[in-house]
């Protein structure tokens, strides 16, 4: 129907006129996931852990206790 076509064309016109900005929240979220991602970048092998790896134990405890995670450079 013509009214759906008009709405679709208006929607596509609005989409083409939109400006998109991609941003990143630097280390605000889960520090365990950040550490695991950094580990995988440097390690090309497939790794499976049946227990918590030692290199994220500190972050895991902080996340579990809901302690703040500050990073100072």
C-alpha atoms as a PDB file:
ATOM      1  CA  UNK A   1       0.000   0.000   0.000  1.00  0.00           C
ATOM      2  CA  UNK A   2       1.061   3.552  -0.749  1.00  0.00           C
ATOM      3  CA  UNK A   3       0.929   4.746   2.896  1.00  0.00           C
ATOM      4  CA  UNK A   4       3.420   2.050   3.946  1.00  0.00           C
ATOM      5  CA  UNK A   5       5.670   2.951   1.058  1.00  0.00           C
ATOM      6  CA  UNK A   6       5.644   6.609   2.128  1.00  0.00           C
ATOM      7  CA  UNK A   7       6.479   5.665   5.702  1.00  0.00           C
ATOM      8  CA  UNK A   8       9.282   3.381   4.531  1.00  0.00           C
ATOM      9  CA  UNK A   9      10.739   6.073   2.274  1.00  0.00           C
ATOM     10  CA  UNK A  10      10.529   8.634   5.099  1.00  0.00           C
ATOM     11  CA  UNK A  11      12.249   6.219   7.452  1.00  0.00           C
ATOM     12  CA  UNK A  12      15.054   5.528   4.958  1.00  0.00           C
ATOM     13  CA  UNK A  13      15.465   9.244   4.355  1.00  0.00           C
ATOM     14  CA  UNK A  14      15.799   9.851   8.102  1.00  0.00           C
ATOM     15  CA  UNK A  15      18.353   7.039   8.436  1.00  0.00           C
ATOM     16  CA  UNK A  16      20.512   8.431   5.625  1.00  0.00           C
ATOM     17  CA  UNK A  17      20.521  11.849   7.323  1.00  0.00           C
ATOM     18  CA  UNK A  18      21.572  10.531  10.738  1.00  0.00           C
ATOM     19  CA  UNK A  19      25.071  11.019  12.072  1.00  0.00           C
ATOM     20  CA  UNK A  20      26.540   8.125  14.048  1.00  0.00           C
ATOM     21  CA  UNK A  21      29.272   8.340  16.641  1.00  0.00           C
ATOM     22  CA  UNK A  22      30.915   5.212  18.053  1.00  0.00           C
ATOM     23  CA  UNK A  23      32.335   5.606  21.540  1.00  0.00           C
ATOM     24  CA  UNK A  24      34.112   3.375  24.017  1.00  0.00           C
ATOM     25  CA  UNK A  25      33.871   3.352  27.792  1.00  0.00           C
ATOM     26  CA  UNK A  26      37.448   2.735  28.845  1.00  0.00           C
ATOM     27  CA  UNK A  27      37.669  -0.010  31.486  1.00  0.00           C
ATOM     28  CA  UNK A  28      34.480   1.019  33.244  1.00  0.00           C
ATOM     29  CA  UNK A  29      32.955  -2.431  33.116  1.00  0.00           C
ATOM     30  CA  UNK A  30      34.101  -5.874  34.097  1.00  0.00           C
ATOM     31  CA  UNK A  31      37.847  -5.933  34.791  1.00  0.00           C
ATOM     32  CA  UNK A  32      37.874  -9.758  34.630  1.00  0.00           C
ATOM     33  CA  UNK A  33      36.617  -9.664  31.052  1.00  0.00           C
ATOM     34  CA  UNK A  34      39.211  -6.995  30.235  1.00  0.00           C
ATOM     35  CA  UNK A  35      42.048  -9.120  31.644  1.00  0.00           C
ATOM     36  CA  UNK A  36      40.827 -12.213  29.790  1.00  0.00           C
ATOM     37  CA  UNK A  37      40.613 -10.275  26.539  1.00  0.00           C
ATOM     38  CA  UNK A  38      44.158  -8.966  27.010  1.00  0.00           C
ATOM     39  CA  UNK A  39      45.349 -12.507  27.713  1.00  0.00           C
ATOM     40  CA  UNK A  40      43.755 -13.796  24.506  1.00  0.00           C
ATOM     41  CA  UNK A  41      45.374 -11.039  22.442  1.00  0.00           C
ATOM     42  CA  UNK A  42      48.825 -12.218  23.505  1.00  0.00           C
ATOM     43  CA  UNK A  43      48.007 -15.958  23.400  1.00  0.00           C
ATOM     44  CA  UNK A  44      47.122 -17.575  20.079  1.00  0.00           C
ATOM     45  CA  UNK A  45      46.386 -21.059  21.494  1.00  0.00           C
ATOM     46  CA  UNK A  46      42.996 -22.342  22.603  1.00  0.00           C
ATOM     47  CA  UNK A  47      42.834 -22.353  26.415  1.00  0.00           C
ATOM     48  CA  UNK A  48      40.183 -23.920  28.658  1.00  0.00           C
ATOM     49  CA  UNK A  49      40.182 -23.356  32.418  1.00  0.00           C
ATOM     50  CA  UNK A  50      38.319 -25.583  34.869  1.00  0.00           C
ATOM     51  CA  UNK A  51      39.109 -23.165  37.680  1.00  0.00           C
ATOM     52  CA  UNK A  52      39.794 -19.461  38.019  1.00  0.00           C
ATOM     53  CA  UNK A  53      43.126 -18.441  36.421  1.00  0.00           C
ATOM     54  CA  UNK A  54      45.579 -16.806  38.821  1.00  0.00           C
ATOM     55  CA  UNK A  55      45.956 -13.655  36.716  1.00  0.00           C
ATOM     56  CA  UNK A  56      42.309 -12.632  37.247  1.00  0.00           C
ATOM     57  CA  UNK A  57      41.860 -13.774  40.861  1.00  0.00           C
ATOM     58  CA  UNK A  58      42.332 -10.244  42.255  1.00  0.00           C
ATOM     59  CA  UNK A  59      39.843  -8.709  39.786  1.00  0.00           C
ATOM     60  CA  UNK A  60      37.357 -11.508  40.437  1.00  0.00           C
ATOM     61  CA  UNK A  61      37.402 -10.809  44.185  1.00  0.00           C
ATOM     62  CA  UNK A  62      36.949  -7.077  43.567  1.00  0.00           C
ATOM     63  CA  UNK A  63      34.006  -7.712  41.228  1.00  0.00           C
ATOM     64  CA  UNK A  64      32.415 -10.244  43.583  1.00  0.00           C
ATOM     65  CA  UNK A  65      32.621  -7.820  46.518  1.00  0.00           C
ATOM     66  CA  UNK A  66      31.433  -4.942  44.298  1.00  0.00           C
ATOM     67  CA  UNK A  67      34.477  -2.855  45.174  1.00  0.00           C
ATOM     68  CA  UNK A  68      35.311   0.119  42.946  1.00  0.00           C
ATOM     69  CA  UNK A  69      37.864  -0.417  40.199  1.00  0.00           C
ATOM     70  CA  UNK A  70      40.030   2.661  39.722  1.00  0.00           C
ATOM     71  CA  UNK A  71      42.853   2.884  37.253  1.00  0.00           C
ATOM     72  CA  UNK A  72      45.544   5.517  37.576  1.00  0.00           C
ATOM     73  CA  UNK A  73      48.215   6.128  34.932  1.00  0.00           C
END
